Amino acid sequence: GLGAEVFKAQQLAVLDRRDRTSEIAKIAVPTLIVA
């Protein structure tokens, strides 16, 4: 339903995402993690 162009754009965004592991300790609000 989203279509090929959105699908490709999202794949490109995901493969080039930044590593945020060194930054997430700055998050100061209640955080829920579900796995």
PDB file of all heavy atoms in Angstrom:
ATOM      1  N   GLY A   1       0.802  -1.217   0.000  1.00  0.00           N
ATOM      2  CA  GLY A   1       0.000   0.000   0.000  1.00  0.00           C
ATOM      3  C   GLY A   1       0.834   1.267   0.000  1.00  0.00           C
ATOM      4  O   GLY A   1       0.463   2.268  -0.618  1.00  0.00           O
ATOM      5  N   LEU A   2       1.974   1.231   0.689  1.00  0.00           N
ATOM      6  CA  LEU A   2       2.865   2.398   0.704  1.00  0.00           C
ATOM      7  C   LEU A   2       3.558   2.585  -0.637  1.00  0.00           C
ATOM      8  O   LEU A   2       3.889   3.710  -1.018  1.00  0.00           O
ATOM      9  CB  LEU A   2       3.904   2.254   1.816  1.00  0.00           C
ATOM     10  CG  LEU A   2       3.373   2.358   3.244  1.00  0.00           C
ATOM     11  CD1 LEU A   2       4.471   2.019   4.253  1.00  0.00           C
ATOM     12  CD2 LEU A   2       2.823   3.753   3.525  1.00  0.00           C
ATOM     13  N   GLY A   3       3.825   1.498  -1.332  1.00  0.00           N
ATOM     14  CA  GLY A   3       4.404   1.583  -2.667  1.00  0.00           C
ATOM     15  C   GLY A   3       5.910   1.432  -2.698  1.00  0.00           C
ATOM     16  O   GLY A   3       6.602   1.533  -1.678  1.00  0.00           O
ATOM     17  N   ALA A   4       6.423   1.221  -3.902  1.00  0.00           N
ATOM     18  CA  ALA A   4       7.836   0.911  -4.085  1.00  0.00           C
ATOM     19  C   ALA A   4       8.747   2.065  -3.702  1.00  0.00           C
ATOM     20  O   ALA A   4       9.826   1.859  -3.126  1.00  0.00           O
ATOM     21  CB  ALA A   4       8.095   0.511  -5.538  1.00  0.00           C
ATOM     22  N   GLU A   5       8.363   3.295  -4.001  1.00  0.00           N
ATOM     23  CA  GLU A   5       9.245   4.426  -3.730  1.00  0.00           C
ATOM     24  C   GLU A   5       9.431   4.646  -2.229  1.00  0.00           C
ATOM     25  O   GLU A   5      10.548   4.898  -1.761  1.00  0.00           O
ATOM     26  CB  GLU A   5       8.709   5.697  -4.398  1.00  0.00           C
ATOM     27  CG  GLU A   5       8.750   5.658  -5.913  1.00  0.00           C
ATOM     28  CD  GLU A   5      10.128   5.309  -6.453  1.00  0.00           C
ATOM     29  OE1 GLU A   5      11.117   5.914  -5.973  1.00  0.00           O
ATOM     30  OE2 GLU A   5      10.225   4.424  -7.325  1.00  0.00           O
ATOM     31  N   VAL A   6       8.342   4.556  -1.468  1.00  0.00           N
ATOM     32  CA  VAL A   6       8.445   4.686  -0.012  1.00  0.00           C
ATOM     33  C   VAL A   6       9.256   3.527   0.549  1.00  0.00           C
ATOM     34  O   VAL A   6      10.116   3.712   1.424  1.00  0.00           O
ATOM     35  CB  VAL A   6       7.048   4.737   0.642  1.00  0.00           C
ATOM     36  CG1 VAL A   6       7.149   4.629   2.162  1.00  0.00           C
ATOM     37  CG2 VAL A   6       6.342   6.023   0.252  1.00  0.00           C
ATOM     38  N   PHE A   7       9.009   2.325   0.058  1.00  0.00           N
ATOM     39  CA  PHE A   7       9.733   1.135   0.503  1.00  0.00           C
ATOM     40  C   PHE A   7      11.238   1.316   0.304  1.00  0.00           C
ATOM     41  O   PHE A   7      12.043   1.050   1.212  1.00  0.00           O
ATOM     42  CB  PHE A   7       9.222  -0.078  -0.267  1.00  0.00           C
ATOM     43  CG  PHE A   7       9.840  -1.387   0.128  1.00  0.00           C
ATOM     44  CD1 PHE A   7       9.351  -2.097   1.215  1.00  0.00           C
ATOM     45  CD2 PHE A   7      10.880  -1.926  -0.609  1.00  0.00           C
ATOM     46  CE1 PHE A   7       9.910  -3.319   1.569  1.00  0.00           C
ATOM     47  CE2 PHE A   7      11.446  -3.147  -0.262  1.00  0.00           C
ATOM     48  CZ  PHE A   7      10.965  -3.845   0.831  1.00  0.00           C
ATOM     49  N   LYS A   8      11.637   1.788  -0.873  1.00  0.00           N
ATOM     50  CA  LYS A   8      13.062   1.983  -1.152  1.00  0.00           C
ATOM     51  C   LYS A   8      13.651   3.077  -0.268  1.00  0.00           C
ATOM     52  O   LYS A   8      14.761   2.925   0.262  1.00  0.00           O
ATOM     53  CB  LYS A   8      13.260   2.324  -2.631  1.00  0.00           C
ATOM     54  CG  LYS A   8      13.008   1.160  -3.568  1.00  0.00           C
ATOM     55  CD  LYS A   8      13.402   1.483  -4.994  1.00  0.00           C
ATOM     56  CE  LYS A   8      12.480   2.497  -5.634  1.00  0.00           C
ATOM     57  NZ  LYS A   8      12.823   2.752  -7.056  1.00  0.00           N
ATOM     58  N   ALA A   9      12.943   4.181  -0.101  1.00  0.00           N
ATOM     59  CA  ALA A   9      13.435   5.276   0.730  1.00  0.00           C
ATOM     60  C   ALA A   9      13.650   4.815   2.171  1.00  0.00           C
ATOM     61  O   ALA A   9      14.659   5.164   2.814  1.00  0.00           O
ATOM     62  CB  ALA A   9      12.457   6.451   0.694  1.00  0.00           C
ATOM     63  N   GLN A  10      12.716   4.030   2.691  1.00  0.00           N
ATOM     64  CA  GLN A  10      12.843   3.557   4.068  1.00  0.00           C
ATOM     65  C   GLN A  10      14.000   2.579   4.210  1.00  0.00           C
ATOM     66  O   GLN A  10      14.739   2.623   5.208  1.00  0.00           O
ATOM     67  CB  GLN A  10      11.532   2.916   4.512  1.00  0.00           C
ATOM     68  CG  GLN A  10      10.403   3.926   4.666  1.00  0.00           C
ATOM     69  CD  GLN A  10       9.106   3.289   5.126  1.00  0.00           C
ATOM     70  OE1 GLN A  10       8.954   2.064   5.107  1.00  0.00           O
ATOM     71  NE2 GLN A  10       8.163   4.103   5.536  1.00  0.00           N
ATOM     72  N   GLN A  11      14.192   1.710   3.234  1.00  0.00           N
ATOM     73  CA  GLN A  11      15.328   0.795   3.280  1.00  0.00           C
ATOM     74  C   GLN A  11      16.649   1.560   3.285  1.00  0.00           C
ATOM     75  O   GLN A  11      17.580   1.220   4.027  1.00  0.00           O
ATOM     76  CB  GLN A  11      15.279  -0.167   2.086  1.00  0.00           C
ATOM     77  CG  GLN A  11      14.170  -1.195   2.132  1.00  0.00           C
ATOM     78  CD  GLN A  11      14.416  -2.302   3.139  1.00  0.00           C
ATOM     79  OE1 GLN A  11      15.496  -2.426   3.702  1.00  0.00           O
ATOM     80  NE2 GLN A  11      13.403  -3.118   3.365  1.00  0.00           N
ATOM     81  N   LEU A  12      16.745   2.604   2.473  1.00  0.00           N
ATOM     82  CA  LEU A  12      17.965   3.410   2.439  1.00  0.00           C
ATOM     83  C   LEU A  12      18.207   4.104   3.777  1.00  0.00           C
ATOM     84  O   LEU A  12      19.346   4.197   4.253  1.00  0.00           O
ATOM     85  CB  LEU A  12      17.881   4.437   1.312  1.00  0.00           C
ATOM     86  CG  LEU A  12      17.900   3.871  -0.116  1.00  0.00           C
ATOM     87  CD1 LEU A  12      17.583   4.964  -1.130  1.00  0.00           C
ATOM     88  CD2 LEU A  12      19.254   3.236  -0.418  1.00  0.00           C
ATOM     89  N   ALA A  13      17.137   4.602   4.385  1.00  0.00           N
ATOM     90  CA  ALA A  13      17.264   5.262   5.687  1.00  0.00           C
ATOM     91  C   ALA A  13      17.764   4.291   6.753  1.00  0.00           C
ATOM     92  O   ALA A  13      18.630   4.621   7.566  1.00  0.00           O
ATOM     93  CB  ALA A  13      15.916   5.856   6.102  1.00  0.00           C
ATOM     94  N   VAL A  14      17.225   3.087   6.750  1.00  0.00           N
ATOM     95  CA  VAL A  14      17.588   2.095   7.755  1.00  0.00           C
ATOM     96  C   VAL A  14      19.040   1.635   7.591  1.00  0.00           C
ATOM     97  O   VAL A  14      19.774   1.492   8.570  1.00  0.00           O
ATOM     98  CB  VAL A  14      16.622   0.895   7.684  1.00  0.00           C
ATOM     99  CG1 VAL A  14      17.150  -0.295   8.446  1.00  0.00           C
ATOM    100  CG2 VAL A  14      15.260   1.292   8.234  1.00  0.00           C
ATOM    101  N   LEU A  15      19.471   1.422   6.364  1.00  0.00           N
ATOM    102  CA  LEU A  15      20.826   0.896   6.183  1.00  0.00           C
ATOM    103  C   LEU A  15      21.894   1.941   6.496  1.00  0.00           C
ATOM    104  O   LEU A  15      23.035   1.593   6.821  1.00  0.00           O
ATOM    105  CB  LEU A  15      21.003   0.310   4.784  1.00  0.00           C
ATOM    106  CG  LEU A  15      21.068   1.208   3.546  1.00  0.00           C
ATOM    107  CD1 LEU A  15      22.479   1.696   3.267  1.00  0.00           C
ATOM    108  CD2 LEU A  15      20.554   0.439   2.320  1.00  0.00           C
ATOM    109  N   ASP A  16      21.540   3.227   6.444  1.00  0.00           N
ATOM    110  CA  ASP A  16      22.508   4.296   6.730  1.00  0.00           C
ATOM    111  C   ASP A  16      22.296   4.952   8.095  1.00  0.00           C
ATOM    112  O   ASP A  16      22.848   6.018   8.366  1.00  0.00           O
ATOM    113  CB  ASP A  16      22.438   5.379   5.641  1.00  0.00           C
ATOM    114  CG  ASP A  16      23.172   4.962   4.375  1.00  0.00           C
ATOM    115  OD1 ASP A  16      24.087   4.129   4.478  1.00  0.00           O
ATOM    116  OD2 ASP A  16      22.811   5.453   3.294  1.00  0.00           O
ATOM    117  N   ARG A  17      21.539   4.320   8.975  1.00  0.00           N
ATOM    118  CA  ARG A  17      21.257   4.944  10.271  1.00  0.00           C
ATOM    119  C   ARG A  17      22.518   5.043  11.129  1.00  0.00           C
ATOM    120  O   ARG A  17      23.444   4.237  11.006  1.00  0.00           O
ATOM    121  CB  ARG A  17      20.174   4.164  11.024  1.00  0.00           C
ATOM    122  CG  ARG A  17      20.592   2.783  11.494  1.00  0.00           C
ATOM    123  CD  ARG A  17      19.414   2.083  12.140  1.00  0.00           C
ATOM    124  NE  ARG A  17      19.754   0.812  12.735  1.00  0.00           N
ATOM    125  CZ  ARG A  17      19.716  -0.353  12.129  1.00  0.00           C
ATOM    126  NH1 ARG A  17      19.385  -0.417  10.844  1.00  0.00           N
ATOM    127  NH2 ARG A  17      20.015  -1.472  12.779  1.00  0.00           N
ATOM    128  N   ARG A  18      22.515   6.028  12.009  1.00  0.00           N
ATOM    129  CA  ARG A  18      23.652   6.273  12.907  1.00  0.00           C
ATOM    130  C   ARG A  18      23.616   5.331  14.103  1.00  0.00           C
ATOM    131  O   ARG A  18      22.555   4.906  14.542  1.00  0.00           O
ATOM    132  CB  ARG A  18      23.622   7.711  13.429  1.00  0.00           C
ATOM    133  CG  ARG A  18      23.922   8.774  12.413  1.00  0.00           C
ATOM    134  CD  ARG A  18      23.713  10.151  13.014  1.00  0.00           C
ATOM    135  NE  ARG A  18      24.445  10.342  14.259  1.00  0.00           N
ATOM    136  CZ  ARG A  18      24.268  11.380  15.079  1.00  0.00           C
ATOM    137  NH1 ARG A  18      23.356  12.295  14.786  1.00  0.00           N
ATOM    138  NH2 ARG A  18      24.974  11.488  16.178  1.00  0.00           N
ATOM    139  N   ASP A  19      24.776   5.067  14.643  1.00  0.00           N
ATOM    140  CA  ASP A  19      24.880   4.368  15.924  1.00  0.00           C
ATOM    141  C   ASP A  19      24.619   5.386  17.036  1.00  0.00           C
ATOM    142  O   ASP A  19      25.284   6.415  17.113  1.00  0.00           O
ATOM    143  CB  ASP A  19      26.283   3.775  16.066  1.00  0.00           C
ATOM    144  CG  ASP A  19      26.423   2.893  17.291  1.00  0.00           C
ATOM    145  OD1 ASP A  19      26.102   3.373  18.407  1.00  0.00           O
ATOM    146  OD2 ASP A  19      26.853   1.742  17.150  1.00  0.00           O
ATOM    147  N   ARG A  20      23.634   5.118  17.893  1.00  0.00           N
ATOM    148  CA  ARG A  20      23.287   6.059  18.961  1.00  0.00           C
ATOM    149  C   ARG A  20      23.653   5.513  20.344  1.00  0.00           C
ATOM    150  O   ARG A  20      23.246   6.084  21.363  1.00  0.00           O
ATOM    151  CB  ARG A  20      21.775   6.371  18.941  1.00  0.00           C
ATOM    152  CG  ARG A  20      21.171   6.677  17.593  1.00  0.00           C
ATOM    153  CD  ARG A  20      21.923   7.722  16.783  1.00  0.00           C
ATOM    154  NE  ARG A  20      21.879   9.039  17.325  1.00  0.00           N
ATOM    155  CZ  ARG A  20      21.081  10.028  16.904  1.00  0.00           C
ATOM    156  NH1 ARG A  20      20.235   9.810  15.936  1.00  0.00           N
ATOM    157  NH2 ARG A  20      21.147  11.230  17.442  1.00  0.00           N
ATOM    158  N   THR A  21      24.395   4.416  20.400  1.00  0.00           N
ATOM    159  CA  THR A  21      24.647   3.766  21.686  1.00  0.00           C
ATOM    160  C   THR A  21      25.407   4.656  22.659  1.00  0.00           C
ATOM    161  O   THR A  21      25.222   4.532  23.877  1.00  0.00           O
ATOM    162  CB  THR A  21      25.412   2.444  21.496  1.00  0.00           C
ATOM    163  OG1 THR A  21      26.605   2.679  20.732  1.00  0.00           O
ATOM    164  CG2 THR A  21      24.552   1.427  20.761  1.00  0.00           C
ATOM    165  N   SER A  22      26.245   5.539  22.152  1.00  0.00           N
ATOM    166  CA  SER A  22      27.010   6.414  23.046  1.00  0.00           C
ATOM    167  C   SER A  22      26.204   7.633  23.496  1.00  0.00           C
ATOM    168  O   SER A  22      26.673   8.391  24.359  1.00  0.00           O
ATOM    169  CB  SER A  22      28.297   6.883  22.352  1.00  0.00           C
ATOM    170  OG  SER A  22      27.987   7.697  21.223  1.00  0.00           O
ATOM    171  N   GLU A  23      25.018   7.828  22.936  1.00  0.00           N
ATOM    172  CA  GLU A  23      24.214   9.014  23.226  1.00  0.00           C
ATOM    173  C   GLU A  23      22.993   8.745  24.096  1.00  0.00           C
ATOM    174  O   GLU A  23      22.454   9.661  24.722  1.00  0.00           O
ATOM    175  CB  GLU A  23      23.738   9.660  21.923  1.00  0.00           C
ATOM    176  CG  GLU A  23      24.848  10.042  20.958  1.00  0.00           C
ATOM    177  CD  GLU A  23      24.290  10.480  19.621  1.00  0.00           C
ATOM    178  OE1 GLU A  23      23.763  11.605  19.549  1.00  0.00           O
ATOM    179  OE2 GLU A  23      24.342   9.680  18.661  1.00  0.00           O
ATOM    180  N   ILE A  24      22.526   7.493  24.135  1.00  0.00           N
ATOM    181  CA  ILE A  24      21.225   7.243  24.750  1.00  0.00           C
ATOM    182  C   ILE A  24      21.229   7.420  26.269  1.00  0.00           C
ATOM    183  O   ILE A  24      20.150   7.551  26.868  1.00  0.00           O
ATOM    184  CB  ILE A  24      20.670   5.858  24.370  1.00  0.00           C
ATOM    185  CG1 ILE A  24      21.636   4.749  24.769  1.00  0.00           C
ATOM    186  CG2 ILE A  24      20.380   5.812  22.878  1.00  0.00           C
ATOM    187  CD1 ILE A  24      21.072   3.348  24.486  1.00  0.00           C
ATOM    188  N   ALA A  25      22.387   7.469  26.872  1.00  0.00           N
ATOM    189  CA  ALA A  25      22.435   7.743  28.318  1.00  0.00           C
ATOM    190  C   ALA A  25      21.938   9.147  28.637  1.00  0.00           C
ATOM    191  O   ALA A  25      21.613   9.444  29.798  1.00  0.00           O
ATOM    192  CB  ALA A  25      23.847   7.552  28.849  1.00  0.00           C
ATOM    193  N   LYS A  26      21.835  10.010  27.632  1.00  0.00           N
ATOM    194  CA  LYS A  26      21.334  11.371  27.825  1.00  0.00           C
ATOM    195  C   LYS A  26      19.816  11.417  27.959  1.00  0.00           C
ATOM    196  O   LYS A  26      19.266  12.439  28.386  1.00  0.00           O
ATOM    197  CB  LYS A  26      21.740  12.256  26.636  1.00  0.00           C
ATOM    198  CG  LYS A  26      23.237  12.363  26.385  1.00  0.00           C
ATOM    199  CD  LYS A  26      23.487  13.134  25.096  1.00  0.00           C
ATOM    200  CE  LYS A  26      24.955  13.139  24.715  1.00  0.00           C
ATOM    201  NZ  LYS A  26      25.170  13.817  23.411  1.00  0.00           N
ATOM    202  N   ILE A  27      19.127  10.356  27.578  1.00  0.00           N
ATOM    203  CA  ILE A  27      17.667  10.350  27.622  1.00  0.00           C
ATOM    204  C   ILE A  27      17.208  10.383  29.069  1.00  0.00           C
ATOM    205  O   ILE A  27      17.565   9.509  29.865  1.00  0.00           O
ATOM    206  CB  ILE A  27      17.104   9.117  26.885  1.00  0.00           C
ATOM    207  CG1 ILE A  27      17.462   9.200  25.390  1.00  0.00           C
ATOM    208  CG2 ILE A  27      15.594   9.019  27.068  1.00  0.00           C
ATOM    209  CD1 ILE A  27      17.120   7.952  24.601  1.00  0.00           C
ATOM    210  N   ALA A  28      16.406  11.378  29.417  1.00  0.00           N
ATOM    211  CA  ALA A  28      16.074  11.621  30.825  1.00  0.00           C
ATOM    212  C   ALA A  28      14.587  11.516  31.115  1.00  0.00           C
ATOM    213  O   ALA A  28      14.121  12.043  32.128  1.00  0.00           O
ATOM    214  CB  ALA A  28      16.593  12.993  31.244  1.00  0.00           C
ATOM    215  N   VAL A  29      13.834  10.862  30.243  1.00  0.00           N
ATOM    216  CA  VAL A  29      12.394  10.683  30.473  1.00  0.00           C
ATOM    217  C   VAL A  29      12.110   9.199  30.708  1.00  0.00           C
ATOM    218  O   VAL A  29      12.912   8.339  30.315  1.00  0.00           O
ATOM    219  CB  VAL A  29      11.565  11.190  29.274  1.00  0.00           C
ATOM    220  CG1 VAL A  29      11.711  12.700  29.132  1.00  0.00           C
ATOM    221  CG2 VAL A  29      11.967  10.467  27.985  1.00  0.00           C
ATOM    222  N   PRO A  30      10.985   8.888  31.358  1.00  0.00           N
ATOM    223  CA  PRO A  30      10.631   7.472  31.535  1.00  0.00           C
ATOM    224  C   PRO A  30      10.595   6.760  30.185  1.00  0.00           C
ATOM    225  O   PRO A  30       9.947   7.214  29.247  1.00  0.00           O
ATOM    226  CB  PRO A  30       9.245   7.544  32.179  1.00  0.00           C
ATOM    227  CG  PRO A  30       9.220   8.864  32.884  1.00  0.00           C
ATOM    228  CD  PRO A  30       9.997   9.787  32.006  1.00  0.00           C
ATOM    229  N   THR A  31      11.308   5.652  30.113  1.00  0.00           N
ATOM    230  CA  THR A  31      11.461   4.943  28.847  1.00  0.00           C
ATOM    231  C   THR A  31      11.037   3.488  28.988  1.00  0.00           C
ATOM    232  O   THR A  31      11.504   2.780  29.885  1.00  0.00           O
ATOM    233  CB  THR A  31      12.924   5.014  28.361  1.00  0.00           C
ATOM    234  OG1 THR A  31      13.304   6.391  28.202  1.00  0.00           O
ATOM    235  CG2 THR A  31      13.088   4.309  27.022  1.00  0.00           C
ATOM    236  N   LEU A  32      10.154   3.075  28.113  1.00  0.00           N
ATOM    237  CA  LEU A  32       9.701   1.692  28.052  1.00  0.00           C
ATOM    238  C   LEU A  32      10.368   1.014  26.865  1.00  0.00           C
ATOM    239  O   LEU A  32      10.361   1.547  25.760  1.00  0.00           O
ATOM    240  CB  LEU A  32       8.180   1.641  27.885  1.00  0.00           C
ATOM    241  CG  LEU A  32       7.568   0.272  27.586  1.00  0.00           C
ATOM    242  CD1 LEU A  32       7.704  -0.652  28.782  1.00  0.00           C
ATOM    243  CD2 LEU A  32       6.108   0.412  27.163  1.00  0.00           C
ATOM    244  N   ILE A  33      10.950  -0.146  27.105  1.00  0.00           N
ATOM    245  CA  ILE A  33      11.543  -0.937  26.033  1.00  0.00           C
ATOM    246  C   ILE A  33      10.825  -2.277  25.981  1.00  0.00           C
ATOM    247  O   ILE A  33      10.733  -2.991  26.985  1.00  0.00           O
ATOM    248  CB  ILE A  33      13.055  -1.138  26.259  1.00  0.00           C
ATOM    249  CG1 ILE A  33      13.763   0.224  26.269  1.00  0.00           C
ATOM    250  CG2 ILE A  33      13.652  -2.040  25.186  1.00  0.00           C
ATOM    251  CD1 ILE A  33      15.221   0.157  26.661  1.00  0.00           C
ATOM    252  N   VAL A  34      10.272  -2.600  24.826  1.00  0.00           N
ATOM    253  CA  VAL A  34       9.541  -3.848  24.636  1.00  0.00           C
ATOM    254  C   VAL A  34      10.275  -4.685  23.598  1.00  0.00           C
ATOM    255  O   VAL A  34      10.636  -4.193  22.524  1.00  0.00           O
ATOM    256  CB  VAL A  34       8.092  -3.581  24.170  1.00  0.00           C
ATOM    257  CG1 VAL A  34       7.381  -4.898  23.854  1.00  0.00           C
ATOM    258  CG2 VAL A  34       7.321  -2.803  25.232  1.00  0.00           C
ATOM    259  N   ALA A  35      10.499  -5.948  23.930  1.00  0.00           N
ATOM    260  CA  ALA A  35      11.187  -6.864  23.027  1.00  0.00           C
ATOM    261  C   ALA A  35      10.425  -8.172  22.951  1.00  0.00           C
ATOM    262  O   ALA A  35       9.733  -8.566  23.891  1.00  0.00           O
ATOM    263  CB  ALA A  35      12.609  -7.118  23.523  1.00  0.00           C
TER     264      ALA A  35
END
